[in-house]
Structures are given as structure tokens and as C-alpha cells.
Protein backbone atom coordinates (compact mmCIF):
# COMPACT_ATOMS: atom_id res chain seq x y z
CA MET A 1 -120.14 -14.68 52.16
CA SER A 2 -119.71 -10.95 52.72
CA LYS A 3 -119.28 -8.53 49.85
CA LEU A 4 -115.55 -7.85 49.51
CA SER A 5 -114.58 -4.30 48.50
CA ILE A 6 -111.39 -2.36 47.95
CA ILE A 7 -111.09 1.23 49.15
CA VAL A 8 -108.07 3.21 47.97
CA ALA A 9 -106.86 6.68 47.04
CA MET A 10 -104.49 6.64 44.11
CA ALA A 11 -102.79 9.07 41.77
CA ARG A 12 -103.09 8.95 37.97
CA ASN A 13 -99.85 6.93 37.85
CA ARG A 14 -101.33 4.47 40.43
CA THR A 15 -99.19 5.77 43.35
CA ILE A 16 -100.82 5.02 46.71
CA GLY A 17 -97.97 5.74 49.12
CA ILE A 18 -94.44 6.90 49.82
CA ASN A 19 -92.33 5.91 52.83
CA ASN A 20 -95.38 4.19 54.35
CA THR A 21 -97.49 7.38 54.34
CA LEU A 22 -100.03 8.98 52.02
CA PRO A 23 -98.29 11.26 49.51
CA TRP A 24 -101.02 13.95 49.75
CA ARG A 25 -103.22 15.56 52.39
CA CYS A 26 -106.92 15.35 51.58
CA PRO A 27 -109.23 15.68 54.61
CA GLU A 28 -112.38 15.00 52.54
CA ASP A 29 -110.91 11.68 51.38
CA LEU A 30 -110.32 10.67 55.01
CA LYS A 31 -113.95 11.58 55.82
CA HIS A 32 -115.13 9.58 52.78
CA PHE A 33 -113.05 6.59 53.95
CA LYS A 34 -114.50 6.83 57.46
CA ALA A 35 -118.11 7.15 56.22
CA LEU A 36 -117.80 4.05 54.01
CA THR A 37 -115.91 1.81 56.45
CA MET A 38 -117.63 2.76 59.74
CA GLY A 39 -119.20 -0.27 61.41
CA HIS A 40 -117.44 -2.73 59.09
CA HIS A 41 -114.37 -4.95 59.09
CA MET A 42 -111.21 -3.56 57.49
CA ILE A 43 -108.44 -5.88 56.33
CA MET A 44 -105.02 -4.27 56.08
CA GLY A 45 -101.43 -5.36 55.78
CA ARG A 46 -99.08 -4.98 58.74
CA LYS A 47 -97.15 -2.06 57.19
CA THR A 48 -100.43 -0.21 56.58
CA PHE A 49 -101.42 -0.89 60.19
CA ASP A 50 -98.01 0.35 61.39
CA SER A 51 -98.47 3.58 59.39
CA ILE A 52 -101.84 4.21 61.12
CA GLY A 53 -100.45 3.06 64.46
CA LYS A 54 -103.70 1.98 66.13
CA PRO A 55 -107.06 0.36 65.41
CA LEU A 56 -109.52 2.89 63.98
CA PRO A 57 -112.60 3.47 66.18
CA GLY A 58 -115.97 2.04 65.18
CA ARG A 59 -114.49 -0.60 62.89
CA THR A 60 -112.94 -4.04 63.33
CA THR A 61 -109.33 -4.12 62.15
CA VAL A 62 -107.92 -7.37 60.79
CA VAL A 63 -104.16 -7.18 60.23
CA ALA A 64 -102.87 -9.60 57.60
CA THR A 65 -99.20 -10.51 57.95
CA ARG A 66 -97.06 -13.38 56.69
CA ASN A 67 -94.95 -13.01 59.85
CA THR A 68 -96.11 -15.83 62.13
CA TYR A 69 -94.45 -14.14 65.14
CA TYR A 70 -97.40 -11.72 65.07
CA GLU A 71 -100.05 -13.45 67.13
CA LYS A 72 -101.73 -10.52 68.82
CA ILE A 73 -102.07 -6.79 68.20
CA LEU A 74 -104.05 -4.97 70.88
CA GLY A 75 -107.55 -4.19 69.63
CA CYS A 76 -107.13 -6.07 66.34
CA GLU A 77 -107.56 -9.49 64.84
CA VAL A 78 -104.43 -11.03 63.26
CA ALA A 79 -104.44 -13.31 60.21
CA HIS A 80 -101.61 -14.85 58.21
CA THR A 81 -103.36 -15.14 54.83
CA LEU A 82 -106.02 -13.15 52.99
CA GLU A 83 -108.39 -16.15 53.25
CA GLU A 84 -107.88 -16.35 57.02
CA ALA A 85 -108.45 -12.58 57.29
CA ILE A 86 -111.73 -12.81 55.34
CA ALA A 87 -112.83 -15.73 57.55
CA LYS A 88 -112.44 -13.44 60.59
CA CYS A 89 -115.19 -11.15 59.22
CA PRO A 90 -118.40 -13.18 59.60
CA LYS A 91 -121.80 -11.52 59.59
CA ASP A 92 -120.56 -8.31 57.96
CA ASP A 93 -122.40 -7.36 54.74
CA GLU A 94 -119.32 -5.56 53.38
CA VAL A 95 -115.65 -6.11 54.22
CA PHE A 96 -113.06 -3.54 53.10
CA ILE A 97 -109.53 -4.21 51.88
CA VAL A 98 -107.71 -0.98 52.83
CA GLY A 99 -104.11 -1.64 51.74
CA GLY A 100 -101.34 -1.81 51.08
CA ALA A 101 -100.18 -2.64 47.58
CA GLU A 102 -99.51 -6.37 48.14
CA LEU A 103 -102.86 -6.94 49.81
CA TYR A 104 -104.66 -5.03 47.03
CA ALA A 105 -102.94 -7.25 44.44
CA GLN A 106 -103.97 -10.42 46.29
CA ALA A 107 -107.56 -9.26 46.85
CA LEU A 108 -108.25 -7.75 43.42
CA PRO A 109 -109.50 -11.01 41.81
CA GLU A 110 -111.89 -11.55 44.78
CA VAL A 111 -113.54 -8.13 45.13
CA SER A 112 -116.84 -7.04 43.61
CA THR A 113 -116.61 -3.29 44.32
CA MET A 114 -113.82 -0.73 44.28
CA TYR A 115 -114.14 2.69 45.89
CA ILE A 116 -111.31 4.68 44.35
CA THR A 117 -110.40 8.26 45.14
CA GLU A 118 -108.72 9.19 41.85
CA ILE A 119 -106.16 11.93 42.46
CA GLN A 120 -106.07 13.83 39.17
CA GLN A 121 -102.28 14.11 38.88
CA ASP A 122 -99.16 11.94 38.84
CA VAL A 123 -97.48 11.66 42.25
CA GLU A 124 -94.06 10.34 43.27
CA GLY A 125 -94.25 7.22 45.40
CA ASP A 126 -92.91 3.79 46.23
CA ALA A 127 -96.22 1.91 46.58
CA HIS A 128 -98.64 1.47 43.68
CA PHE A 129 -102.11 0.06 43.12
CA PRO A 130 -101.95 -3.01 40.86
CA GLU A 131 -102.85 -2.76 37.17
CA PHE A 132 -106.39 -3.96 36.48
CA ASP A 133 -108.41 -4.58 33.37
CA LYS A 134 -110.86 -1.66 33.13
CA SER A 135 -113.08 -3.72 30.81
CA GLU A 136 -113.96 -5.98 33.79
CA TRP A 137 -115.41 -3.02 35.71
CA ARG A 138 -118.20 -0.54 35.20
CA GLU A 139 -118.27 2.89 36.78
CA VAL A 140 -121.45 3.29 38.84
CA SER A 141 -120.77 6.72 40.38
CA ARG A 142 -118.33 9.61 40.14
CA GLU A 143 -118.19 12.71 42.29
CA VAL A 144 -115.82 15.44 41.09
CA ARG A 145 -114.12 17.30 43.94
CA SER A 146 -111.28 19.73 44.55
CA GLN A 147 -109.61 21.49 47.46
CA GLU A 148 -107.26 24.43 47.94
CA THR A 149 -106.04 23.58 51.45
CA PRO A 150 -104.04 21.96 52.95
CA GLN A 151 -102.76 21.62 49.37
CA PRO A 152 -104.40 22.28 45.98
CA LEU A 153 -105.80 18.98 44.70
CA LYS A 154 -108.37 17.79 42.19
CA TYR A 155 -109.82 14.35 42.91
CA HIS A 156 -112.83 12.17 42.08
CA PHE A 157 -114.68 9.73 44.34
CA VAL A 158 -115.41 6.84 41.95
CA THR A 159 -117.25 3.56 42.58
CA TYR A 160 -116.65 0.61 40.27
CA GLN A 161 -118.60 -2.64 40.19
CA ARG A 162 -117.25 -5.79 38.60
CA SER A 163 -119.08 -6.27 35.26
């Protein structure tokens, strides 16, 4: 089976979104996301897909939705459970769970790696990354970053491996 990983940007208070968009603007985080996921399968929930609006180039998008009326989305695979979504990613050495909150919660027990962009402040939002037991994970890398534009932001690119 492929290595299953989560990739997420989250605030100190675990916020990951508001009104189906990212609550911050961080171009380097988008580049980081692209560099890690390029050439791989990405599994995302339907609302996350709707917020992006199209399949991202150079990657295979698998949209997971409980709504059985969704059979086809142009340029994407459609699955109705996380297990079915994972099964649609054969021969990929790493498959990425890219959101949203419900899918992260379902996938968390299954993943071996988490790539978390830790936004170093609390942020208002209506979608949150699930609580997880930090003792089950070890930090294997941390890159401290900051930006002034398009908004001042301190953030860390952190990789965790399941202990």
C-alpha cells in the first residue's frame, strides 16, 4: 500500500478555513504544497474541491463525497468513502489527504506522515484540524519562515512521522 500523508496549513488554534477558503494568504505555503504533491494523488472532500474549483495540474485529484449523485467530475476521480478513494491511488508511493476537516479526521488514524504549515497565531475560522495526540508523533523537520506581504505572517513548515 502507498504511504498515506496529510498536508495542511493550520493556525495555532487549529483553524484551517473560513467560509470554504483559506483564512490567510501565504504564497510560499502554496509553493510548498505544490512541490510536495506534484506527481502524486491528492484526496480531498467535495467542499475542498469546490473551493479550488478545478483539478490541480500535474496531480491526480480524487474527490471523496458521501453524495452518491456525484458520479463524475471532469478531470477527477470520484469516491464515496475514504477507503474507496485510497483504492483509486494504486502505484503511487505517497498519497496526500488535502482536506477538509472531516476528511482529515477520518484519515488521521491511517496516516504515517503529516506535513503541517503551522501558522504562528490564532485565526478566526469555521473549519478546524482535528485534535491529535502529539505523543504519537515525532517531529522530523522544522523550517521557520515569515513574510511581510501580502500580509505579515510567521509560519513553520513542520514534518511529523508517526512514532
